[in-house]
Full PDB file with SEQRES, HELIX, SHEET, SSBOND, CRYST1, ORIGX, SCALE, CONECT and MASTER records, all heavy atoms in Angstrom:
SEQRES   1 A   41  LEU TYR GLN GLN SER ASN PRO THR THR ASN VAL SER PHE          
SEQRES   2 A   41  PHE ARG PHE MET PHE SER TRP THR VAL SER GLY ILE THR          
SEQRES   3 A   41  ALA PRO THR PRO ALA THR VAL LYS VAL THR ALA ILE ASP          
SEQRES   4 A   41  LYS LEU                                                      
CRYST1    1.000    1.000    1.000  90.00  90.00  90.00 P 1           1          
ORIGX1      1.000000  0.000000  0.000000        0.00000                         
ORIGX2      0.000000  1.000000  0.000000        0.00000                         
ORIGX3      0.000000  0.000000  1.000000        0.00000                         
SCALE1      1.000000  0.000000  0.000000        0.00000                         
SCALE2      0.000000  1.000000  0.000000        0.00000                         
SCALE3      0.000000  0.000000  1.000000        0.00000                         
ATOM      1  N   LEU A   1    -121.548  58.031  70.661  1.00  0.00           N  
ATOM      2  CA  LEU A   1    -120.232  58.536  70.460  1.00  0.00           C  
ATOM      3  C   LEU A   1    -119.302  57.539  70.106  1.00  0.00           C  
ATOM      4  O   LEU A   1    -118.263  57.817  69.386  1.00  0.00           O  
ATOM      5  CB  LEU A   1    -119.730  59.296  71.760  1.00  0.00           C  
ATOM      6  CG  LEU A   1    -120.701  60.370  72.325  1.00  0.00           C  
ATOM      7  CD1 LEU A   1    -120.207  60.777  73.706  1.00  0.00           C  
ATOM      8  CD2 LEU A   1    -120.695  61.532  71.398  1.00  0.00           C  
ATOM      9  N   TYR A   2    -119.560  56.334  70.466  1.00  0.00           N  
ATOM     10  CA  TYR A   2    -118.664  55.150  70.163  1.00  0.00           C  
ATOM     11  C   TYR A   2    -119.370  53.906  70.362  1.00  0.00           C  
ATOM     12  O   TYR A   2    -120.243  53.795  71.251  1.00  0.00           O  
ATOM     13  CB  TYR A   2    -117.442  55.172  71.093  1.00  0.00           C  
ATOM     14  CG  TYR A   2    -116.500  53.925  70.893  1.00  0.00           C  
ATOM     15  CD1 TYR A   2    -115.687  53.804  69.887  1.00  0.00           C  
ATOM     16  CD2 TYR A   2    -116.555  52.987  71.996  1.00  0.00           C  
ATOM     17  CE1 TYR A   2    -114.831  52.728  69.807  1.00  0.00           C  
ATOM     18  CE2 TYR A   2    -115.782  51.827  71.835  1.00  0.00           C  
ATOM     19  CZ  TYR A   2    -114.881  51.666  70.761  1.00  0.00           C  
ATOM     20  OH  TYR A   2    -114.087  50.535  70.566  1.00  0.00           O  
ATOM     21  N   GLN A   3    -119.237  52.894  69.531  1.00  0.00           N  
ATOM     22  CA  GLN A   3    -119.789  51.510  69.797  1.00  0.00           C  
ATOM     23  C   GLN A   3    -118.912  50.573  69.079  1.00  0.00           C  
ATOM     24  O   GLN A   3    -118.171  50.798  68.082  1.00  0.00           O  
ATOM     25  CB  GLN A   3    -121.206  51.498  69.237  1.00  0.00           C  
ATOM     26  CG  GLN A   3    -121.288  51.659  67.697  1.00  0.00           C  
ATOM     27  CD  GLN A   3    -122.756  51.623  67.332  1.00  0.00           C  
ATOM     28  OE1 GLN A   3    -123.723  51.358  68.125  1.00  0.00           O  
ATOM     29  NE2 GLN A   3    -123.101  51.910  66.074  1.00  0.00           N  
ATOM     30  N   GLN A   4    -118.866  49.297  69.689  1.00  0.00           N  
ATOM     31  CA  GLN A   4    -118.049  48.260  69.137  1.00  0.00           C  
ATOM     32  C   GLN A   4    -118.717  46.887  69.677  1.00  0.00           C  
ATOM     33  O   GLN A   4    -119.208  46.870  70.809  1.00  0.00           O  
ATOM     34  CB  GLN A   4    -116.546  48.393  69.555  1.00  0.00           C  
ATOM     35  CG  GLN A   4    -115.811  47.310  69.054  1.00  0.00           C  
ATOM     36  CD  GLN A   4    -114.312  47.458  69.531  1.00  0.00           C  
ATOM     37  OE1 GLN A   4    -113.822  48.429  69.964  1.00  0.00           O  
ATOM     38  NE2 GLN A   4    -113.470  46.313  69.330  1.00  0.00           N  
ATOM     39  N   SER A   5    -118.612  45.864  68.916  1.00  0.00           N  
ATOM     40  CA  SER A   5    -119.022  44.487  69.289  1.00  0.00           C  
ATOM     41  C   SER A   5    -118.079  43.578  68.973  1.00  0.00           C  
ATOM     42  O   SER A   5    -117.330  43.692  67.861  1.00  0.00           O  
ATOM     43  CB  SER A   5    -120.460  44.206  68.765  1.00  0.00           C  
ATOM     44  OG  SER A   5    -120.478  44.112  67.450  1.00  0.00           O  
ATOM     45  N   ASN A   6    -117.893  42.560  69.821  1.00  0.00           N  
ATOM     46  CA  ASN A   6    -116.858  41.436  69.531  1.00  0.00           C  
ATOM     47  C   ASN A   6    -117.527  40.176  69.650  1.00  0.00           C  
ATOM     48  O   ASN A   6    -118.353  39.928  70.686  1.00  0.00           O  
ATOM     49  CB  ASN A   6    -115.686  41.561  70.470  1.00  0.00           C  
ATOM     50  CG  ASN A   6    -114.806  42.635  70.270  1.00  0.00           C  
ATOM     51  OD1 ASN A   6    -114.815  43.328  69.203  1.00  0.00           O  
ATOM     52  ND2 ASN A   6    -114.073  43.086  71.315  1.00  0.00           N  
ATOM     53  N   PRO A   7    -117.280  39.152  68.791  1.00  0.00           N  
ATOM     54  CA  PRO A   7    -117.722  37.737  68.941  1.00  0.00           C  
ATOM     55  C   PRO A   7    -117.080  37.114  70.214  1.00  0.00           C  
ATOM     56  O   PRO A   7    -115.764  37.584  70.419  1.00  0.00           O  
ATOM     57  CB  PRO A   7    -117.506  37.031  67.679  1.00  0.00           C  
ATOM     58  CG  PRO A   7    -116.371  37.831  67.065  1.00  0.00           C  
ATOM     59  CD  PRO A   7    -116.536  39.280  67.559  1.00  0.00           C  
ATOM     60  N   THR A   8    -117.699  36.306  71.031  1.00  0.00           N  
ATOM     61  CA  THR A   8    -117.044  35.759  72.163  1.00  0.00           C  
ATOM     62  C   THR A   8    -116.903  34.143  71.998  1.00  0.00           C  
ATOM     63  O   THR A   8    -116.574  33.623  72.992  1.00  0.00           O  
ATOM     64  CB  THR A   8    -117.957  36.079  73.328  1.00  0.00           C  
ATOM     65  OG1 THR A   8    -119.246  35.498  73.180  1.00  0.00           O  
ATOM     66  CG2 THR A   8    -117.983  37.487  73.646  1.00  0.00           C  
ATOM     67  N   THR A   9    -117.217  33.613  70.854  1.00  0.00           N  
ATOM     68  CA  THR A   9    -116.893  32.239  70.637  1.00  0.00           C  
ATOM     69  C   THR A   9    -117.630  31.244  71.512  1.00  0.00           C  
ATOM     70  O   THR A   9    -117.119  30.223  71.850  1.00  0.00           O  
ATOM     71  CB  THR A   9    -115.445  31.901  70.427  1.00  0.00           C  
ATOM     72  OG1 THR A   9    -114.765  32.120  71.824  1.00  0.00           O  
ATOM     73  CG2 THR A   9    -114.740  32.646  69.324  1.00  0.00           C  
ATOM     74  N   ASN A  10    -118.892  31.578  71.959  1.00  0.00           N  
ATOM     75  CA  ASN A  10    -119.717  30.636  72.660  1.00  0.00           C  
ATOM     76  C   ASN A  10    -119.034  30.122  73.974  1.00  0.00           C  
ATOM     77  O   ASN A  10    -119.215  28.947  74.429  1.00  0.00           O  
ATOM     78  CB  ASN A  10    -120.047  29.382  71.806  1.00  0.00           C  
ATOM     79  CG  ASN A  10    -121.177  28.659  72.270  1.00  0.00           C  
ATOM     80  OD1 ASN A  10    -122.090  29.288  73.004  1.00  0.00           O  
ATOM     81  ND2 ASN A  10    -121.397  27.360  71.955  1.00  0.00           N  
ATOM     82  N   VAL A  11    -118.439  31.033  74.694  1.00  0.00           N  
ATOM     83  CA  VAL A  11    -117.827  30.664  76.095  1.00  0.00           C  
ATOM     84  C   VAL A  11    -118.775  31.084  77.111  1.00  0.00           C  
ATOM     85  O   VAL A  11    -119.703  31.931  76.908  1.00  0.00           O  
ATOM     86  CB  VAL A  11    -116.450  31.329  76.263  1.00  0.00           C  
ATOM     87  CG1 VAL A  11    -115.468  30.878  75.232  1.00  0.00           C  
ATOM     88  CG2 VAL A  11    -116.659  32.810  76.079  1.00  0.00           C  
ATOM     89  N   SER A  12    -118.709  30.483  78.335  1.00  0.00           N  
ATOM     90  CA  SER A  12    -119.497  30.934  79.467  1.00  0.00           C  
ATOM     91  C   SER A  12    -118.976  32.100  80.198  1.00  0.00           C  
ATOM     92  O   SER A  12    -119.601  32.779  80.992  1.00  0.00           O  
ATOM     93  CB  SER A  12    -119.847  29.829  80.320  1.00  0.00           C  
ATOM     94  OG  SER A  12    -118.656  29.227  80.865  1.00  0.00           O  
ATOM     95  N   PHE A  13    -117.610  32.394  80.053  1.00  0.00           N  
ATOM     96  CA  PHE A  13    -116.933  33.484  80.716  1.00  0.00           C  
ATOM     97  C   PHE A  13    -116.086  34.237  79.751  1.00  0.00           C  
ATOM     98  O   PHE A  13    -115.394  33.645  78.921  1.00  0.00           O  
ATOM     99  CB  PHE A  13    -116.037  32.959  81.885  1.00  0.00           C  
ATOM    100  CG  PHE A  13    -115.210  34.043  82.512  1.00  0.00           C  
ATOM    101  CD1 PHE A  13    -115.738  34.807  83.550  1.00  0.00           C  
ATOM    102  CD2 PHE A  13    -113.936  34.295  82.087  1.00  0.00           C  
ATOM    103  CE1 PHE A  13    -114.854  35.709  84.143  1.00  0.00           C  
ATOM    104  CE2 PHE A  13    -113.171  35.234  82.642  1.00  0.00           C  
ATOM    105  CZ  PHE A  13    -113.707  36.114  83.638  1.00  0.00           C  
ATOM    106  N   PHE A  14    -116.210  35.631  79.796  1.00  0.00           N  
ATOM    107  CA  PHE A  14    -115.440  36.433  78.769  1.00  0.00           C  
ATOM    108  C   PHE A  14    -115.079  37.631  79.508  1.00  0.00           C  
ATOM    109  O   PHE A  14    -115.802  38.275  80.196  1.00  0.00           O  
ATOM    110  CB  PHE A  14    -116.347  36.760  77.661  1.00  0.00           C  
ATOM    111  CG  PHE A  14    -115.698  37.577  76.495  1.00  0.00           C  
ATOM    112  CD1 PHE A  14    -114.812  36.946  75.629  1.00  0.00           C  
ATOM    113  CD2 PHE A  14    -115.854  38.857  76.351  1.00  0.00           C  
ATOM    114  CE1 PHE A  14    -114.174  37.647  74.586  1.00  0.00           C  
ATOM    115  CE2 PHE A  14    -115.280  39.620  75.371  1.00  0.00           C  
ATOM    116  CZ  PHE A  14    -114.332  38.886  74.554  1.00  0.00           C  
ATOM    117  N   ARG A  15    -113.787  37.912  79.359  1.00  0.00           N  
ATOM    118  CA  ARG A  15    -113.238  39.225  79.935  1.00  0.00           C  
ATOM    119  C   ARG A  15    -113.114  40.135  78.668  1.00  0.00           C  
ATOM    120  O   ARG A  15    -112.550  39.937  77.722  1.00  0.00           O  
ATOM    121  CB  ARG A  15    -111.830  38.982  80.456  1.00  0.00           C  
ATOM    122  CG  ARG A  15    -111.191  40.240  81.035  1.00  0.00           C  
ATOM    123  CD  ARG A  15    -109.942  39.961  81.824  1.00  0.00           C  
ATOM    124  NE  ARG A  15    -109.989  39.936  83.250  1.00  0.00           N  
ATOM    125  CZ  ARG A  15    -110.560  40.800  84.069  1.00  0.00           C  
ATOM    126  NH1 ARG A  15    -111.297  41.847  83.456  1.00  0.00           N  
ATOM    127  NH2 ARG A  15    -110.514  40.748  85.325  1.00  0.00           N  
ATOM    128  N   PHE A  16    -113.789  41.328  78.850  1.00  0.00           N  
ATOM    129  CA  PHE A  16    -113.781  42.371  77.818  1.00  0.00           C  
ATOM    130  C   PHE A  16    -112.853  43.478  78.125  1.00  0.00           C  
ATOM    131  O   PHE A  16    -112.691  43.862  79.303  1.00  0.00           O  
ATOM    132  CB  PHE A  16    -115.275  42.804  77.503  1.00  0.00           C  
ATOM    133  CG  PHE A  16    -115.942  43.502  78.593  1.00  0.00           C  
ATOM    134  CD1 PHE A  16    -115.803  44.715  78.965  1.00  0.00           C  
ATOM    135  CD2 PHE A  16    -116.733  42.669  79.430  1.00  0.00           C  
ATOM    136  CE1 PHE A  16    -116.520  45.343  80.015  1.00  0.00           C  
ATOM    137  CE2 PHE A  16    -117.488  43.241  80.488  1.00  0.00           C  
ATOM    138  CZ  PHE A  16    -117.303  44.594  80.815  1.00  0.00           C  
ATOM    139  N   MET A  17    -112.385  44.096  76.912  1.00  0.00           N  
ATOM    140  CA  MET A  17    -111.536  45.248  77.077  1.00  0.00           C  
ATOM    141  C   MET A  17    -111.784  46.098  75.808  1.00  0.00           C  
ATOM    142  O   MET A  17    -111.409  45.599  74.703  1.00  0.00           O  
ATOM    143  CB  MET A  17    -110.020  44.856  77.194  1.00  0.00           C  
ATOM    144  CG  MET A  17    -109.644  44.255  78.482  1.00  0.00           C  
ATOM    145  SD  MET A  17    -107.904  43.711  78.518  1.00  0.00           S  
ATOM    146  CE  MET A  17    -108.046  42.134  78.012  1.00  0.00           C  
ATOM    147  N   PHE A  18    -112.352  47.160  76.046  1.00  0.00           N  
ATOM    148  CA  PHE A  18    -112.612  48.181  74.889  1.00  0.00           C  
ATOM    149  C   PHE A  18    -111.816  49.451  75.149  1.00  0.00           C  
ATOM    150  O   PHE A  18    -111.648  49.775  76.250  1.00  0.00           O  
ATOM    151  CB  PHE A  18    -114.028  48.447  74.692  1.00  0.00           C  
ATOM    152  CG  PHE A  18    -115.029  47.374  74.420  1.00  0.00           C  
ATOM    153  CD1 PHE A  18    -115.671  46.674  75.394  1.00  0.00           C  
ATOM    154  CD2 PHE A  18    -115.070  46.736  73.114  1.00  0.00           C  
ATOM    155  CE1 PHE A  18    -116.496  45.554  75.116  1.00  0.00           C  
ATOM    156  CE2 PHE A  18    -115.892  45.656  72.826  1.00  0.00           C  
ATOM    157  CZ  PHE A  18    -116.558  45.103  73.815  1.00  0.00           C  
ATOM    158  N   SER A  19    -111.470  50.144  74.128  1.00  0.00           N  
ATOM    159  CA  SER A  19    -110.848  51.454  74.410  1.00  0.00           C  
ATOM    160  C   SER A  19    -111.241  52.507  73.294  1.00  0.00           C  
ATOM    161  O   SER A  19    -111.270  52.080  72.113  1.00  0.00           O  
ATOM    162  CB  SER A  19    -109.329  51.393  74.361  1.00  0.00           C  
ATOM    163  OG  SER A  19    -108.731  52.582  74.652  1.00  0.00           O  
ATOM    164  N   TRP A  20    -111.667  53.698  73.560  1.00  0.00           N  
ATOM    165  CA  TRP A  20    -112.068  54.622  72.711  1.00  0.00           C  
ATOM    166  C   TRP A  20    -111.250  55.963  73.096  1.00  0.00           C  
ATOM    167  O   TRP A  20    -111.272  56.352  74.321  1.00  0.00           O  
ATOM    168  CB  TRP A  20    -113.468  54.912  72.801  1.00  0.00           C  
ATOM    169  CG  TRP A  20    -114.057  56.167  72.052  1.00  0.00           C  
ATOM    170  CD1 TRP A  20    -113.892  56.379  70.720  1.00  0.00           C  
ATOM    171  CD2 TRP A  20    -114.753  57.319  72.638  1.00  0.00           C  
ATOM    172  NE1 TRP A  20    -114.435  57.641  70.371  1.00  0.00           N  
ATOM    173  CE2 TRP A  20    -115.044  58.198  71.488  1.00  0.00           C  
ATOM    174  CE3 TRP A  20    -115.192  57.613  73.855  1.00  0.00           C  
ATOM    175  CZ2 TRP A  20    -115.678  59.409  71.652  1.00  0.00           C  
ATOM    176  CZ3 TRP A  20    -115.811  58.805  74.011  1.00  0.00           C  
ATOM    177  CH2 TRP A  20    -116.142  59.644  72.991  1.00  0.00           C  
ATOM    178  N   THR A  21    -110.582  56.602  72.101  1.00  0.00           N  
ATOM    179  CA  THR A  21    -109.950  57.917  72.380  1.00  0.00           C  
ATOM    180  C   THR A  21    -111.007  58.984  72.292  1.00  0.00           C  
ATOM    181  O   THR A  21    -111.660  59.155  71.142  1.00  0.00           O  
ATOM    182  CB  THR A  21    -108.902  58.130  71.385  1.00  0.00           C  
ATOM    183  OG1 THR A  21    -107.912  57.090  71.435  1.00  0.00           O  
ATOM    184  CG2 THR A  21    -108.252  59.511  71.695  1.00  0.00           C  
ATOM    185  N   VAL A  22    -111.275  59.556  73.413  1.00  0.00           N  
ATOM    186  CA  VAL A  22    -112.284  60.657  73.547  1.00  0.00           C  
ATOM    187  C   VAL A  22    -112.127  61.708  72.427  1.00  0.00           C  
ATOM    188  O   VAL A  22    -110.967  62.265  72.358  1.00  0.00           O  
ATOM    189  CB  VAL A  22    -112.406  61.303  74.889  1.00  0.00           C  
ATOM    190  CG1 VAL A  22    -113.500  62.328  74.984  1.00  0.00           C  
ATOM    191  CG2 VAL A  22    -112.674  60.036  75.949  1.00  0.00           C  
ATOM    192  N   SER A  23    -113.095  62.065  71.663  1.00  0.00           N  
ATOM    193  CA  SER A  23    -112.981  63.119  70.606  1.00  0.00           C  
ATOM    194  C   SER A  23    -114.295  63.823  70.351  1.00  0.00           C  
ATOM    195  O   SER A  23    -115.281  63.213  70.630  1.00  0.00           O  
ATOM    196  CB  SER A  23    -112.458  62.499  69.373  1.00  0.00           C  
ATOM    197  OG  SER A  23    -113.376  61.515  68.872  1.00  0.00           O  
ATOM    198  N   GLY A  24    -114.116  64.983  69.883  1.00  0.00           N  
ATOM    199  CA  GLY A  24    -115.355  65.791  69.442  1.00  0.00           C  
ATOM    200  C   GLY A  24    -116.037  66.436  70.622  1.00  0.00           C  
ATOM    201  O   GLY A  24    -117.225  66.875  70.513  1.00  0.00           O  
ATOM    202  N   ILE A  25    -115.510  66.377  71.759  1.00  0.00           N  
ATOM    203  CA  ILE A  25    -116.135  67.064  72.978  1.00  0.00           C  
ATOM    204  C   ILE A  25    -115.789  68.507  73.065  1.00  0.00           C  
ATOM    205  O   ILE A  25    -114.587  68.817  73.129  1.00  0.00           O  
ATOM    206  CB  ILE A  25    -115.767  66.332  74.236  1.00  0.00           C  
ATOM    207  CG1 ILE A  25    -116.085  64.733  74.179  1.00  0.00           C  
ATOM    208  CG2 ILE A  25    -116.468  66.874  75.546  1.00  0.00           C  
ATOM    209  CD1 ILE A  25    -117.459  64.426  73.889  1.00  0.00           C  
ATOM    210  N   THR A  26    -116.707  69.414  73.046  1.00  0.00           N  
ATOM    211  CA  THR A  26    -116.489  70.863  73.068  1.00  0.00           C  
ATOM    212  C   THR A  26    -116.920  71.487  74.498  1.00  0.00           C  
ATOM    213  O   THR A  26    -116.534  72.623  74.722  1.00  0.00           O  
ATOM    214  CB  THR A  26    -117.213  71.553  72.049  1.00  0.00           C  
ATOM    215  OG1 THR A  26    -118.642  71.322  72.082  1.00  0.00           O  
ATOM    216  CG2 THR A  26    -116.653  71.009  70.675  1.00  0.00           C  
ATOM    217  N   ALA A  27    -117.541  70.773  75.231  1.00  0.00           N  
ATOM    218  CA  ALA A  27    -118.104  71.177  76.565  1.00  0.00           C  
ATOM    219  C   ALA A  27    -118.258  70.038  77.518  1.00  0.00           C  
ATOM    220  O   ALA A  27    -118.419  68.892  77.025  1.00  0.00           O  
ATOM    221  CB  ALA A  27    -119.422  72.004  76.433  1.00  0.00           C  
ATOM    222  N   PRO A  28    -118.345  70.179  78.799  1.00  0.00           N  
ATOM    223  CA  PRO A  28    -118.571  69.044  79.689  1.00  0.00           C  
ATOM    224  C   PRO A  28    -119.883  68.265  79.131  1.00  0.00           C  
ATOM    225  O   PRO A  28    -120.840  68.939  79.038  1.00  0.00           O  
ATOM    226  CB  PRO A  28    -118.674  69.724  81.123  1.00  0.00           C  
ATOM    227  CG  PRO A  28    -117.962  70.961  80.961  1.00  0.00           C  
ATOM    228  CD  PRO A  28    -118.125  71.451  79.574  1.00  0.00           C  
ATOM    229  N   THR A  29    -119.671  66.994  79.051  1.00  0.00           N  
ATOM    230  CA  THR A  29    -120.722  66.207  78.496  1.00  0.00           C  
ATOM    231  C   THR A  29    -120.979  64.959  79.366  1.00  0.00           C  
ATOM    232  O   THR A  29    -120.105  64.159  79.517  1.00  0.00           O  
ATOM    233  CB  THR A  29    -120.356  65.704  77.070  1.00  0.00           C  
ATOM    234  OG1 THR A  29    -120.037  66.847  76.230  1.00  0.00           O  
ATOM    235  CG2 THR A  29    -121.501  64.898  76.420  1.00  0.00           C  
ATOM    236  N   PRO A  30    -122.227  64.751  79.928  1.00  0.00           N  
ATOM    237  CA  PRO A  30    -122.436  63.574  80.742  1.00  0.00           C  
ATOM    238  C   PRO A  30    -122.701  62.482  79.704  1.00  0.00           C  
ATOM    239  O   PRO A  30    -123.293  62.723  78.598  1.00  0.00           O  
ATOM    240  CB  PRO A  30    -123.748  63.907  81.428  1.00  0.00           C  
ATOM    241  CG  PRO A  30    -124.351  65.123  80.835  1.00  0.00           C  
ATOM    242  CD  PRO A  30    -123.282  65.876  80.024  1.00  0.00           C  
ATOM    243  N   ALA A  31    -122.088  61.382  79.985  1.00  0.00           N  
ATOM    244  CA  ALA A  31    -122.214  60.224  79.067  1.00  0.00           C  
ATOM    245  C   ALA A  31    -122.493  58.831  79.831  1.00  0.00           C  
ATOM    246  O   ALA A  31    -122.204  58.875  80.946  1.00  0.00           O  
ATOM    247  CB  ALA A  31    -120.867  60.067  78.230  1.00  0.00           C  
ATOM    248  N   THR A  32    -122.996  58.028  79.148  1.00  0.00           N  
ATOM    249  CA  THR A  32    -123.255  56.627  79.646  1.00  0.00           C  
ATOM    250  C   THR A  32    -122.494  55.604  78.892  1.00  0.00           C  
ATOM    251  O   THR A  32    -122.550  55.447  77.744  1.00  0.00           O  
ATOM    252  CB  THR A  32    -124.825  56.350  79.579  1.00  0.00           C  
ATOM    253  OG1 THR A  32    -125.562  57.263  80.353  1.00  0.00           O  
ATOM    254  CG2 THR A  32    -125.179  55.005  80.167  1.00  0.00           C  
ATOM    255  N   VAL A  33    -121.808  54.711  79.625  1.00  0.00           N  
ATOM    256  CA  VAL A  33    -121.058  53.701  79.056  1.00  0.00           C  
ATOM    257  C   VAL A  33    -121.970  52.431  79.318  1.00  0.00           C  
ATOM    258  O   VAL A  33    -122.273  52.015  80.385  1.00  0.00           O  
ATOM    259  CB  VAL A  33    -119.706  53.362  79.678  1.00  0.00           C  
ATOM    260  CG1 VAL A  33    -119.069  52.190  79.141  1.00  0.00           C  
ATOM    261  CG2 VAL A  33    -118.795  54.594  79.515  1.00  0.00           C  
ATOM    262  N   LYS A  34    -122.472  51.720  78.226  1.00  0.00           N  
ATOM    263  CA  LYS A  34    -123.281  50.567  78.338  1.00  0.00           C  
ATOM    264  C   LYS A  34    -122.599  49.386  77.784  1.00  0.00           C  
ATOM    265  O   LYS A  34    -122.250  49.320  76.549  1.00  0.00           O  
ATOM    266  CB  LYS A  34    -124.630  50.887  77.541  1.00  0.00           C  
ATOM    267  CG  LYS A  34    -125.623  49.689  77.556  1.00  0.00           C  
ATOM    268  CD  LYS A  34    -126.914  50.173  76.789  1.00  0.00           C  
ATOM    269  CE  LYS A  34    -127.931  49.031  76.726  1.00  0.00           C  
ATOM    270  NZ  LYS A  34    -129.021  49.371  75.988  1.00  0.00           N  
ATOM    271  N   VAL A  35    -122.500  48.350  78.541  1.00  0.00           N  
ATOM    272  CA  VAL A  35    -121.988  47.001  78.092  1.00  0.00           C  
ATOM    273  C   VAL A  35    -123.126  46.005  77.988  1.00  0.00           C  
ATOM    274  O   VAL A  35    -123.904  45.945  78.994  1.00  0.00           O  
ATOM    275  CB  VAL A  35    -120.830  46.522  79.064  1.00  0.00           C  
ATOM    276  CG1 VAL A  35    -120.375  45.172  78.690  1.00  0.00           C  
ATOM    277  CG2 VAL A  35    -119.658  47.501  79.185  1.00  0.00           C  
ATOM    278  N   THR A  36    -123.207  45.325  76.854  1.00  0.00           N  
ATOM    279  CA  THR A  36    -124.184  44.370  76.615  1.00  0.00           C  
ATOM    280  C   THR A  36    -123.670  43.017  76.346  1.00  0.00           C  
ATOM    281  O   THR A  36    -122.692  42.897  75.610  1.00  0.00           O  
ATOM    282  CB  THR A  36    -125.141  44.736  75.504  1.00  0.00           C  
ATOM    283  OG1 THR A  36    -125.637  46.051  75.727  1.00  0.00           O  
ATOM    284  CG2 THR A  36    -126.264  43.788  75.242  1.00  0.00           C  
ATOM    285  N   ALA A  37    -124.231  41.968  77.062  1.00  0.00           N  
ATOM    286  CA  ALA A  37    -123.884  40.588  76.714  1.00  0.00           C  
ATOM    287  C   ALA A  37    -124.934  39.936  75.999  1.00  0.00           C  
ATOM    288  O   ALA A  37    -126.105  39.984  76.533  1.00  0.00           O  
ATOM    289  CB  ALA A  37    -123.560  39.842  78.095  1.00  0.00           C  
ATOM    290  N   ILE A  38    -124.709  39.269  74.907  1.00  0.00           N  
ATOM    291  CA  ILE A  38    -125.815  38.495  74.222  1.00  0.00           C  
ATOM    292  C   ILE A  38    -125.290  36.991  74.137  1.00  0.00           C  
ATOM    293  O   ILE A  38    -124.182  36.747  73.748  1.00  0.00           O  
ATOM    294  CB  ILE A  38    -125.828  39.082  72.690  1.00  0.00           C  
ATOM    295  CG1 ILE A  38    -126.210  40.567  72.843  1.00  0.00           C  
ATOM    296  CG2 ILE A  38    -126.985  38.375  71.995  1.00  0.00           C  
ATOM    297  CD1 ILE A  38    -126.072  41.317  71.383  1.00  0.00           C  
ATOM    298  N   ASP A  39    -126.276  36.216  74.521  1.00  0.00           N  
ATOM    299  CA  ASP A  39    -125.890  34.724  74.655  1.00  0.00           C  
ATOM    300  C   ASP A  39    -126.299  34.033  73.303  1.00  0.00           C  
ATOM    301  O   ASP A  39    -126.863  34.776  72.437  1.00  0.00           O  
ATOM    302  CB  ASP A  39    -126.473  34.067  75.837  1.00  0.00           C  
ATOM    303  CG  ASP A  39    -127.961  33.870  75.817  1.00  0.00           C  
ATOM    304  OD1 ASP A  39    -128.619  33.990  74.718  1.00  0.00           O  
ATOM    305  OD2 ASP A  39    -128.547  33.537  76.929  1.00  0.00           O  
ATOM    306  N   LYS A  40    -125.970  32.845  73.147  1.00  0.00           N  
ATOM    307  CA  LYS A  40    -126.197  32.040  71.864  1.00  0.00           C  
ATOM    308  C   LYS A  40    -127.731  31.915  71.530  1.00  0.00           C  
ATOM    309  O   LYS A  40    -128.073  31.647  70.502  1.00  0.00           O  
ATOM    310  CB  LYS A  40    -125.460  30.840  71.890  1.00  0.00           C  
ATOM    311  CG  LYS A  40    -126.039  29.777  72.711  1.00  0.00           C  
ATOM    312  CD  LYS A  40    -125.263  28.490  72.736  1.00  0.00           C  
ATOM    313  CE  LYS A  40    -125.757  27.403  73.655  1.00  0.00           C  
ATOM    314  NZ  LYS A  40    -125.179  26.168  73.629  1.00  0.00           N  
ATOM    315  N   LEU A  41    -128.510  32.155  72.605  1.00  0.00           N  
ATOM    316  CA  LEU A  41    -130.068  32.091  72.383  1.00  0.00           C  
ATOM    317  C   LEU A  41    -130.623  33.492  72.167  1.00  0.00           C  
ATOM    318  O   LEU A  41    -131.741  33.547  72.084  1.00  0.00           O  
ATOM    319  CB  LEU A  41    -130.758  31.464  73.560  1.00  0.00           C  
ATOM    320  CG  LEU A  41    -130.274  30.020  74.028  1.00  0.00           C  
ATOM    321  CD1 LEU A  41    -130.881  29.567  75.331  1.00  0.00           C  
ATOM    322  CD2 LEU A  41    -130.523  29.075  72.984  1.00  0.00           C  
TER     323      LEU A  41                                                      
MASTER        0    0    0    0    0    0    0    6  322    1    0    4          
END                                                                             
């Protein structure tokens, strides 16, 4: 339903903030929010 990725400039600590305006939902929909961290390796 939504995805976004941001570069983190090779830091060891990062505070993330994403926002998506919910759209296209016509009935109650169970959803999963997945956050992924990828290191420089």
